[in-house]
Each structure stands twice: as C-alpha cells, then as structure tokens.
Amino acid sequence: MAFSFAGVLGLNRAFVIEKDQGCLEGLLLTPVDHSAIYFGKMLSTVLFMLVVEAFMLPVFTAFFGVNLFDLRLILVIILGTVGFAGVGIILSAMTAQTRAREVLLPILLLPVAAPVLIAAVKATAGILDGLTMGEIARWIQLLVAFAVIFPAVAFMTFDYVVKE
C-alpha cells in the first residue's frame, strides 16, 4: 500500500507542471509521435516509484525481520510498478485537465488498478509464506498481463486523451 500511495503522489504531478505552465501544448507540437511523451512520462513514473521502493525495502526488512530481497519479490515489485504506472499515466493525463485533479485521480485510479494491487499483494504474501513459484504463478501471470495490457491500451489511446 505504501508503494501505491507513493505512486499516486508521483502520478498527481506527472502532467500538472506542464499543464499549469502551458508546456503541454509545446510538447504536443513537437514533431515526434505523442506516444513518446506517454512512454517518457511512464518511464519517469516507474523510475520514481522504483527509487521510493528501493528506499522502503530496507526499512520494511528492518521493521518486520523478513528478507525482502528475494528475486521473486523484486519481479513482483517491478511488474506491479509497471502495471500501476501504465494505467496511472493515462488517467493522470485525463485528470490534469480538471480543477479537482488531486482528488479525481485516486478516485479513478484505485478501482482500475485494483487487480494489479490485489495480484501484487497475493504474490507477495505467497512469497513471504514460502510458497513455490508454481503456487503463485497465477498471480504473477496476472501481473504480467496487466504490465503488458495497461501500457498497450494507454499507448493506443494517449493521442486522443491529450488532444481533448
């Protein structure tokens, strides 16, 4: 949950600065595909979330006395982060146009990203309980599906979202 709250805070600021200073129109006028803007924003959000997660994992390890530096857990964190950021950036672009963007983004984002959050929590719980990879494979598959589907759908719709 701490990771998702950090992600929401990062997503709230993803388009606000460009929108408030009028730079978003300048970005849209550049002679590049608008999907490059989407992937740049998504990459910066993923990197922000990964930095926050890298700082939080040692704290969680110290407080809970559990080894959180398992490769399977790192895979779950990366897949969850990509899925969360993939849907979050497109919703952030939509809500940047509104006055109540700080309130509207979490209201739209959390129900849509709920499958990613649930799959990440279930996979993490399974890893910490000592389950094998086969026993948590369906949650990993769900994370992989959302890490591919959310960015792909957002990639296809981003051009329409920022023009409206």
N, C-alpha and C. Protein backbone atom coordinates (compact mmCIF):
# COMPACT_ATOMS: atom_id res chain seq x y z
N MET A 1 0.83 -1.19 0.00
CA MET A 1 0.00 0.00 0.00
C MET A 1 0.87 1.26 0.00
N ALA A 2 2.00 1.18 0.70
CA ALA A 2 2.90 2.33 0.72
C ALA A 2 3.41 2.64 -0.69
N PHE A 3 3.66 1.59 -1.46
CA PHE A 3 4.13 1.81 -2.83
C PHE A 3 3.04 2.47 -3.68
N SER A 4 1.80 2.05 -3.50
CA SER A 4 0.72 2.63 -4.30
C SER A 4 0.48 4.09 -3.93
N PHE A 5 0.59 4.42 -2.65
CA PHE A 5 0.42 5.82 -2.26
C PHE A 5 1.55 6.69 -2.83
N ALA A 6 2.76 6.16 -2.84
CA ALA A 6 3.87 6.91 -3.45
C ALA A 6 3.63 7.08 -4.94
N GLY A 7 3.08 6.05 -5.57
CA GLY A 7 2.78 6.13 -6.99
C GLY A 7 1.71 7.17 -7.30
N VAL A 8 0.67 7.22 -6.46
CA VAL A 8 -0.39 8.21 -6.66
C VAL A 8 0.16 9.62 -6.51
N LEU A 9 1.04 9.82 -5.55
CA LEU A 9 1.65 11.15 -5.39
C LEU A 9 2.49 11.53 -6.60
N GLY A 10 3.24 10.58 -7.12
CA GLY A 10 4.03 10.85 -8.32
C GLY A 10 3.17 11.08 -9.54
N LEU A 11 2.10 10.32 -9.66
CA LEU A 11 1.20 10.48 -10.81
C LEU A 11 0.45 11.79 -10.77
N ASN A 12 0.14 12.28 -9.58
CA ASN A 12 -0.54 13.57 -9.46
C ASN A 12 0.29 14.69 -10.07
N ARG A 13 1.59 14.57 -10.01
CA ARG A 13 2.47 15.63 -10.51
C ARG A 13 2.96 15.37 -11.93
N ALA A 14 2.56 14.28 -12.55
CA ALA A 14 3.11 13.90 -13.85
C ALA A 14 2.82 14.92 -14.95
N PHE A 15 1.61 15.45 -14.99
CA PHE A 15 1.24 16.39 -16.05
C PHE A 15 0.90 17.77 -15.53
N VAL A 16 0.87 17.96 -14.22
CA VAL A 16 0.41 19.22 -13.65
C VAL A 16 1.34 20.38 -14.01
N ILE A 17 2.63 20.18 -13.91
CA ILE A 17 3.58 21.25 -14.18
C ILE A 17 3.48 21.69 -15.64
N GLU A 18 3.44 20.72 -16.56
CA GLU A 18 3.33 21.07 -17.98
C GLU A 18 2.00 21.76 -18.27
N LYS A 19 0.94 21.30 -17.66
CA LYS A 19 -0.37 21.88 -17.91
C LYS A 19 -0.46 23.30 -17.33
N ASP A 20 0.02 23.49 -16.11
CA ASP A 20 -0.07 24.81 -15.48
C ASP A 20 0.79 25.86 -16.16
N GLN A 21 1.94 25.46 -16.69
CA GLN A 21 2.83 26.42 -17.33
C GLN A 21 2.66 26.49 -18.84
N GLY A 22 1.71 25.73 -19.37
CA GLY A 22 1.44 25.77 -20.81
C GLY A 22 2.44 25.00 -21.65
N CYS A 23 3.26 24.19 -21.04
CA CYS A 23 4.27 23.43 -21.78
C CYS A 23 3.71 22.19 -22.47
N LEU A 24 2.55 21.74 -22.03
CA LEU A 24 1.97 20.55 -22.64
C LEU A 24 1.64 20.80 -24.12
N GLU A 25 1.16 21.99 -24.43
CA GLU A 25 0.88 22.32 -25.82
C GLU A 25 2.17 22.31 -26.65
N GLY A 26 3.25 22.82 -26.05
CA GLY A 26 4.55 22.79 -26.73
C GLY A 26 5.03 21.37 -26.97
N LEU A 27 4.84 20.50 -26.00
CA LEU A 27 5.21 19.09 -26.18
C LEU A 27 4.41 18.44 -27.29
N LEU A 28 3.12 18.80 -27.36
CA LEU A 28 2.27 18.20 -28.38
C LEU A 28 2.58 18.73 -29.77
N LEU A 29 3.22 19.90 -29.86
CA LEU A 29 3.58 20.46 -31.16
C LEU A 29 4.92 19.95 -31.69
N THR A 30 5.68 19.24 -30.88
CA THR A 30 6.96 18.72 -31.34
C THR A 30 6.74 17.67 -32.44
N PRO A 31 7.67 17.54 -33.35
CA PRO A 31 7.48 16.61 -34.47
C PRO A 31 7.81 15.16 -34.13
N VAL A 32 7.35 14.70 -32.98
CA VAL A 32 7.52 13.30 -32.60
C VAL A 32 6.14 12.72 -32.33
N ASP A 33 6.09 11.40 -32.33
CA ASP A 33 4.84 10.73 -32.04
C ASP A 33 4.46 11.00 -30.58
N HIS A 34 3.19 11.23 -30.34
CA HIS A 34 2.74 11.55 -28.98
C HIS A 34 2.92 10.39 -28.01
N SER A 35 3.07 9.19 -28.55
CA SER A 35 3.32 8.05 -27.68
C SER A 35 4.69 8.16 -27.00
N ALA A 36 5.61 8.91 -27.60
CA ALA A 36 6.91 9.13 -26.96
C ALA A 36 6.73 9.92 -25.67
N ILE A 37 5.79 10.85 -25.65
CA ILE A 37 5.50 11.60 -24.43
C ILE A 37 4.95 10.65 -23.38
N TYR A 38 4.04 9.77 -23.81
CA TYR A 38 3.47 8.80 -22.87
C TYR A 38 4.57 7.92 -22.26
N PHE A 39 5.42 7.35 -23.13
CA PHE A 39 6.44 6.45 -22.61
C PHE A 39 7.48 7.19 -21.77
N GLY A 40 7.77 8.43 -22.09
CA GLY A 40 8.68 9.22 -21.26
C GLY A 40 8.10 9.48 -19.88
N LYS A 41 6.81 9.84 -19.85
CA LYS A 41 6.14 10.05 -18.56
C LYS A 41 6.05 8.75 -17.77
N MET A 42 5.74 7.66 -18.48
CA MET A 42 5.63 6.37 -17.80
C MET A 42 6.98 5.94 -17.25
N LEU A 43 8.02 6.11 -18.03
CA LEU A 43 9.36 5.74 -17.58
C LEU A 43 9.78 6.55 -16.36
N SER A 44 9.50 7.85 -16.38
CA SER A 44 9.87 8.67 -15.23
C SER A 44 9.07 8.28 -13.99
N THR A 45 7.80 7.93 -14.17
CA THR A 45 6.99 7.49 -13.03
C THR A 45 7.48 6.15 -12.50
N VAL A 46 7.80 5.23 -13.39
CA VAL A 46 8.33 3.93 -12.95
C VAL A 46 9.64 4.12 -12.21
N LEU A 47 10.51 4.96 -12.71
CA LEU A 47 11.79 5.20 -12.04
C LEU A 47 11.58 5.85 -10.67
N PHE A 48 10.66 6.82 -10.59
CA PHE A 48 10.35 7.44 -9.30
C PHE A 48 9.85 6.40 -8.30
N MET A 49 8.93 5.56 -8.76
CA MET A 49 8.38 4.55 -7.86
C MET A 49 9.44 3.52 -7.46
N LEU A 50 10.31 3.14 -8.38
CA LEU A 50 11.36 2.18 -8.04
C LEU A 50 12.36 2.75 -7.05
N VAL A 51 12.66 4.05 -7.15
CA VAL A 51 13.55 4.68 -6.18
C VAL A 51 12.90 4.69 -4.79
N VAL A 52 11.62 5.04 -4.75
CA VAL A 52 10.90 5.02 -3.47
C VAL A 52 10.88 3.60 -2.90
N GLU A 53 10.64 2.61 -3.74
CA GLU A 53 10.61 1.23 -3.29
C GLU A 53 11.97 0.76 -2.82
N ALA A 54 13.03 1.21 -3.48
CA ALA A 54 14.39 0.84 -3.06
C ALA A 54 14.72 1.41 -1.69
N PHE A 55 14.19 2.58 -1.36
CA PHE A 55 14.41 3.14 -0.03
C PHE A 55 13.53 2.47 1.02
N MET A 56 12.35 2.03 0.62
CA MET A 56 11.42 1.45 1.58
C MET A 56 11.70 -0.01 1.90
N LEU A 57 12.25 -0.77 0.97
CA LEU A 57 12.50 -2.18 1.23
C LEU A 57 13.44 -2.43 2.41
N PRO A 58 14.56 -1.70 2.55
CA PRO A 58 15.38 -1.92 3.75
C PRO A 58 14.65 -1.55 5.05
N VAL A 59 13.79 -0.55 4.98
CA VAL A 59 13.02 -0.17 6.17
C VAL A 59 12.06 -1.29 6.54
N PHE A 60 11.38 -1.85 5.54
CA PHE A 60 10.48 -2.97 5.80
C PHE A 60 11.24 -4.18 6.33
N THR A 61 12.42 -4.41 5.77
CA THR A 61 13.24 -5.53 6.25
C THR A 61 13.62 -5.33 7.71
N ALA A 62 14.00 -4.13 8.09
CA ALA A 62 14.38 -3.86 9.47
C ALA A 62 13.20 -3.97 10.43
N PHE A 63 12.05 -3.46 10.03
CA PHE A 63 10.89 -3.47 10.92
C PHE A 63 10.26 -4.85 11.07
N PHE A 64 10.19 -5.62 9.98
CA PHE A 64 9.48 -6.88 10.01
C PHE A 64 10.38 -8.10 10.13
N GLY A 65 11.67 -7.92 10.00
CA GLY A 65 12.61 -9.03 10.17
C GLY A 65 12.47 -10.10 9.11
N VAL A 66 12.03 -9.73 7.93
CA VAL A 66 11.84 -10.67 6.83
C VAL A 66 12.76 -10.26 5.69
N ASN A 67 13.37 -11.25 5.04
CA ASN A 67 14.23 -10.94 3.90
C ASN A 67 13.36 -10.56 2.71
N LEU A 68 13.34 -9.30 2.37
CA LEU A 68 12.54 -8.82 1.26
C LEU A 68 13.35 -8.67 -0.02
N PHE A 69 14.57 -9.15 -0.01
CA PHE A 69 15.41 -9.03 -1.20
C PHE A 69 15.47 -10.35 -1.96
N ASP A 70 14.32 -10.99 -2.10
CA ASP A 70 14.16 -12.21 -2.88
C ASP A 70 13.93 -11.81 -4.34
N LEU A 71 14.52 -12.53 -5.27
CA LEU A 71 14.39 -12.19 -6.69
C LEU A 71 12.94 -12.28 -7.16
N ARG A 72 12.19 -13.23 -6.61
CA ARG A 72 10.77 -13.34 -6.98
C ARG A 72 10.01 -12.11 -6.52
N LEU A 73 10.36 -11.61 -5.35
CA LEU A 73 9.70 -10.41 -4.83
C LEU A 73 10.06 -9.18 -5.65
N ILE A 74 11.31 -9.10 -6.07
CA ILE A 74 11.73 -7.99 -6.94
C ILE A 74 10.96 -8.04 -8.25
N LEU A 75 10.73 -9.25 -8.80
CA LEU A 75 9.94 -9.40 -10.02
C LEU A 75 8.51 -8.90 -9.81
N VAL A 76 7.91 -9.25 -8.68
CA VAL A 76 6.55 -8.80 -8.37
C VAL A 76 6.51 -7.28 -8.25
N ILE A 77 7.50 -6.70 -7.61
CA ILE A 77 7.55 -5.25 -7.45
C ILE A 77 7.66 -4.55 -8.80
N ILE A 78 8.53 -5.04 -9.66
CA ILE A 78 8.72 -4.41 -10.97
C ILE A 78 7.47 -4.55 -11.83
N LEU A 79 6.88 -5.73 -11.87
CA LEU A 79 5.68 -5.93 -12.67
C LEU A 79 4.52 -5.09 -12.14
N GLY A 80 4.36 -5.04 -10.83
CA GLY A 80 3.31 -4.23 -10.23
C GLY A 80 3.51 -2.76 -10.50
N THR A 81 4.73 -2.30 -10.45
CA THR A 81 5.04 -0.90 -10.71
C THR A 81 4.75 -0.52 -12.15
N VAL A 82 5.13 -1.37 -13.08
CA VAL A 82 4.88 -1.09 -14.50
C VAL A 82 3.38 -1.08 -14.79
N GLY A 83 2.64 -2.04 -14.24
CA GLY A 83 1.19 -2.07 -14.44
C GLY A 83 0.50 -0.87 -13.83
N PHE A 84 0.91 -0.50 -12.63
CA PHE A 84 0.32 0.64 -11.93
C PHE A 84 0.62 1.95 -12.67
N ALA A 85 1.87 2.12 -13.09
CA ALA A 85 2.24 3.34 -13.80
C ALA A 85 1.62 3.39 -15.19
N GLY A 86 1.44 2.24 -15.83
CA GLY A 86 0.87 2.21 -17.17
C GLY A 86 -0.53 2.77 -17.21
N VAL A 87 -1.35 2.38 -16.26
CA VAL A 87 -2.71 2.91 -16.22
C VAL A 87 -2.73 4.29 -15.57
N GLY A 88 -1.82 4.53 -14.65
CA GLY A 88 -1.82 5.80 -13.92
C GLY A 88 -1.49 7.00 -14.79
N ILE A 89 -0.59 6.83 -15.74
CA ILE A 89 -0.19 7.96 -16.59
C ILE A 89 -1.34 8.39 -17.48
N ILE A 90 -2.07 7.45 -18.05
CA ILE A 90 -3.18 7.84 -18.92
C ILE A 90 -4.27 8.52 -18.11
N LEU A 91 -4.54 8.05 -16.90
CA LEU A 91 -5.54 8.71 -16.05
C LEU A 91 -5.04 10.06 -15.55
N SER A 92 -3.74 10.16 -15.32
CA SER A 92 -3.17 11.44 -14.92
C SER A 92 -3.29 12.46 -16.04
N ALA A 93 -3.11 12.01 -17.26
CA ALA A 93 -3.29 12.93 -18.41
C ALA A 93 -4.73 13.38 -18.52
N MET A 94 -5.67 12.49 -18.22
CA MET A 94 -7.09 12.86 -18.28
C MET A 94 -7.46 13.85 -17.18
N THR A 95 -6.97 13.60 -15.97
CA THR A 95 -7.37 14.44 -14.84
C THR A 95 -6.59 15.74 -14.77
N ALA A 96 -5.49 15.86 -15.51
CA ALA A 96 -4.71 17.10 -15.48
C ALA A 96 -5.51 18.27 -16.04
N GLN A 97 -6.53 17.97 -16.83
CA GLN A 97 -7.35 19.00 -17.45
C GLN A 97 -8.41 19.56 -16.50
N THR A 98 -8.60 18.93 -15.34
CA THR A 98 -9.68 19.32 -14.43
C THR A 98 -9.16 20.14 -13.26
N ARG A 99 -10.10 20.78 -12.57
CA ARG A 99 -9.71 21.56 -11.39
C ARG A 99 -9.47 20.68 -10.19
N ALA A 100 -10.21 19.62 -10.05
CA ALA A 100 -10.12 18.74 -8.87
C ALA A 100 -9.20 17.55 -9.15
N ARG A 101 -8.08 17.78 -9.84
CA ARG A 101 -7.22 16.68 -10.26
C ARG A 101 -6.61 15.91 -9.10
N GLU A 102 -6.30 16.57 -7.98
CA GLU A 102 -5.69 15.87 -6.85
C GLU A 102 -6.65 14.89 -6.21
N VAL A 103 -7.93 15.16 -6.29
CA VAL A 103 -8.95 14.28 -5.71
C VAL A 103 -9.43 13.27 -6.74
N LEU A 104 -9.55 13.69 -7.98
CA LEU A 104 -10.13 12.86 -9.02
C LEU A 104 -9.22 11.70 -9.43
N LEU A 105 -7.91 11.92 -9.46
CA LEU A 105 -7.00 10.85 -9.90
C LEU A 105 -7.09 9.61 -9.01
N PRO A 106 -6.99 9.72 -7.68
CA PRO A 106 -7.11 8.50 -6.88
C PRO A 106 -8.47 7.82 -6.99
N ILE A 107 -9.52 8.63 -7.17
CA ILE A 107 -10.86 8.05 -7.30
C ILE A 107 -10.97 7.22 -8.58
N LEU A 108 -10.35 7.67 -9.65
CA LEU A 108 -10.37 6.92 -10.91
C LEU A 108 -9.33 5.80 -10.93
N LEU A 109 -8.17 6.05 -10.35
CA LEU A 109 -7.05 5.13 -10.47
C LEU A 109 -7.20 3.87 -9.63
N LEU A 110 -7.57 4.02 -8.38
CA LEU A 110 -7.56 2.86 -7.49
C LEU A 110 -8.52 1.75 -7.90
N PRO A 111 -9.73 2.03 -8.36
CA PRO A 111 -10.56 0.91 -8.84
C PRO A 111 -10.01 0.24 -10.10
N VAL A 112 -9.42 1.02 -10.99
CA VAL A 112 -8.88 0.44 -12.22
C VAL A 112 -7.61 -0.36 -11.94
N ALA A 113 -6.80 0.12 -11.01
CA ALA A 113 -5.55 -0.55 -10.68
C ALA A 113 -5.73 -1.62 -9.60
N ALA A 114 -6.95 -1.84 -9.12
CA ALA A 114 -7.19 -2.83 -8.07
C ALA A 114 -6.71 -4.23 -8.43
N PRO A 115 -6.92 -4.72 -9.66
CA PRO A 115 -6.38 -6.06 -9.98
C PRO A 115 -4.87 -6.15 -9.84
N VAL A 116 -4.16 -5.10 -10.23
CA VAL A 116 -2.70 -5.09 -10.09
C VAL A 116 -2.32 -5.11 -8.62
N LEU A 117 -2.98 -4.30 -7.82
CA LEU A 117 -2.67 -4.24 -6.39
C LEU A 117 -2.99 -5.55 -5.70
N ILE A 118 -4.13 -6.15 -6.02
CA ILE A 118 -4.51 -7.43 -5.39
C ILE A 118 -3.53 -8.53 -5.80
N ALA A 119 -3.18 -8.59 -7.08
CA ALA A 119 -2.24 -9.61 -7.54
C ALA A 119 -0.87 -9.43 -6.89
N ALA A 120 -0.43 -8.19 -6.75
CA ALA A 120 0.87 -7.94 -6.12
C ALA A 120 0.85 -8.32 -4.64
N VAL A 121 -0.25 -8.02 -3.95
CA VAL A 121 -0.36 -8.38 -2.53
C VAL A 121 -0.40 -9.89 -2.37
N LYS A 122 -1.19 -10.59 -3.19
CA LYS A 122 -1.30 -12.05 -3.09
C LYS A 122 0.04 -12.72 -3.42
N ALA A 123 0.72 -12.23 -4.46
CA ALA A 123 2.01 -12.82 -4.81
C ALA A 123 3.05 -12.56 -3.73
N THR A 124 3.04 -11.37 -3.18
CA THR A 124 3.97 -11.05 -2.09
C THR A 124 3.70 -11.90 -0.87
N ALA A 125 2.44 -12.06 -0.52
CA ALA A 125 2.08 -12.90 0.62
C ALA A 125 2.52 -14.34 0.39
N GLY A 126 2.33 -14.83 -0.82
CA GLY A 126 2.76 -16.19 -1.13
C GLY A 126 4.27 -16.35 -1.03
N ILE A 127 5.00 -15.38 -1.50
CA ILE A 127 6.46 -15.43 -1.43
C ILE A 127 6.92 -15.39 0.02
N LEU A 128 6.33 -14.51 0.82
CA LEU A 128 6.73 -14.41 2.22
C LEU A 128 6.29 -15.63 3.04
N ASP A 129 5.24 -16.32 2.58
CA ASP A 129 4.80 -17.55 3.25
C ASP A 129 5.62 -18.75 2.83
N GLY A 130 6.50 -18.58 1.86
CA GLY A 130 7.37 -19.66 1.42
C GLY A 130 6.76 -20.56 0.36
N LEU A 131 5.74 -20.09 -0.32
CA LEU A 131 5.15 -20.90 -1.39
C LEU A 131 6.09 -20.97 -2.58
N THR A 132 5.91 -22.02 -3.37
CA THR A 132 6.74 -22.18 -4.56
C THR A 132 6.24 -21.26 -5.66
N MET A 133 7.05 -21.13 -6.70
CA MET A 133 6.69 -20.27 -7.83
C MET A 133 5.45 -20.81 -8.54
N GLY A 134 5.29 -22.12 -8.58
CA GLY A 134 4.11 -22.71 -9.20
C GLY A 134 2.82 -22.36 -8.47
N GLU A 135 2.90 -22.20 -7.16
CA GLU A 135 1.73 -21.89 -6.37
C GLU A 135 1.29 -20.43 -6.48
N ILE A 136 2.21 -19.57 -6.85
CA ILE A 136 1.86 -18.15 -7.03
C ILE A 136 1.90 -17.75 -8.49
N ALA A 137 2.00 -18.73 -9.39
CA ALA A 137 2.15 -18.44 -10.82
C ALA A 137 0.97 -17.68 -11.38
N ARG A 138 -0.25 -17.98 -10.91
CA ARG A 138 -1.41 -17.28 -11.49
C ARG A 138 -1.40 -15.80 -11.15
N TRP A 139 -0.85 -15.43 -9.98
CA TRP A 139 -0.77 -14.01 -9.62
C TRP A 139 0.32 -13.33 -10.43
N ILE A 140 1.42 -14.04 -10.65
CA ILE A 140 2.50 -13.49 -11.50
C ILE A 140 1.99 -13.31 -12.93
N GLN A 141 1.23 -14.29 -13.43
CA GLN A 141 0.67 -14.18 -14.77
C GLN A 141 -0.27 -12.99 -14.89
N LEU A 142 -1.07 -12.76 -13.86
CA LEU A 142 -1.96 -11.61 -13.87
C LEU A 142 -1.17 -10.30 -13.88
N LEU A 143 -0.09 -10.25 -13.10
CA LEU A 143 0.76 -9.06 -13.11
C LEU A 143 1.41 -8.84 -14.47
N VAL A 144 1.87 -9.91 -15.10
CA VAL A 144 2.47 -9.79 -16.44
C VAL A 144 1.43 -9.30 -17.43
N ALA A 145 0.22 -9.86 -17.35
CA ALA A 145 -0.84 -9.45 -18.28
C ALA A 145 -1.15 -7.96 -18.13
N PHE A 146 -1.26 -7.48 -16.90
CA PHE A 146 -1.58 -6.07 -16.71
C PHE A 146 -0.39 -5.18 -17.01
N ALA A 147 0.83 -5.67 -16.82
CA ALA A 147 2.01 -4.87 -17.18
C ALA A 147 2.15 -4.74 -18.69
N VAL A 148 1.51 -5.62 -19.44
CA VAL A 148 1.52 -5.53 -20.90
C VAL A 148 0.26 -4.84 -21.42
N ILE A 149 -0.90 -5.21 -20.87
CA ILE A 149 -2.18 -4.70 -21.38
C ILE A 149 -2.38 -3.22 -21.08
N PHE A 150 -2.16 -2.80 -19.83
CA PHE A 150 -2.39 -1.40 -19.47
C PHE A 150 -1.53 -0.45 -20.30
N PRO A 151 -0.21 -0.65 -20.40
CA PRO A 151 0.56 0.27 -21.25
C PRO A 151 0.17 0.20 -22.72
N ALA A 152 -0.22 -0.98 -23.21
CA ALA A 152 -0.59 -1.10 -24.62
C ALA A 152 -1.88 -0.31 -24.92
N VAL A 153 -2.87 -0.44 -24.05
CA VAL A 153 -4.12 0.30 -24.24
C VAL A 153 -3.88 1.80 -24.08
N ALA A 154 -3.08 2.16 -23.09
CA ALA A 154 -2.78 3.58 -22.89
C ALA A 154 -1.99 4.14 -24.07
N PHE A 155 -1.09 3.35 -24.62
CA PHE A 155 -0.32 3.76 -25.80
C PHE A 155 -1.25 4.07 -26.96
N MET A 156 -2.28 3.23 -27.15
CA MET A 156 -3.19 3.41 -28.27
C MET A 156 -4.16 4.58 -28.06
N THR A 157 -4.44 4.93 -26.83
CA THR A 157 -5.43 5.98 -26.57
C THR A 157 -4.81 7.31 -26.13
N PHE A 158 -3.52 7.35 -25.90
CA PHE A 158 -2.89 8.56 -25.36
C PHE A 158 -3.06 9.76 -26.29
N ASP A 159 -2.95 9.54 -27.57
CA ASP A 159 -3.07 10.64 -28.53
C ASP A 159 -4.44 11.31 -28.43
N TYR A 160 -5.47 10.53 -28.26
CA TYR A 160 -6.83 11.08 -28.13
C TYR A 160 -7.03 11.79 -26.80
N VAL A 161 -6.41 11.26 -25.76
CA VAL A 161 -6.58 11.84 -24.41
C VAL A 161 -5.97 13.22 -24.33
N VAL A 162 -4.76 13.39 -24.83
CA VAL A 162 -4.08 14.68 -24.68
C VAL A 162 -4.60 15.73 -25.65
N LYS A 163 -5.23 15.31 -26.74
CA LYS A 163 -5.77 16.29 -27.67
C LYS A 163 -7.10 16.84 -27.21
N GLU A 164 -7.81 16.13 -26.36
CA GLU A 164 -9.13 16.58 -25.91
C GLU A 164 -9.05 17.40 -24.68
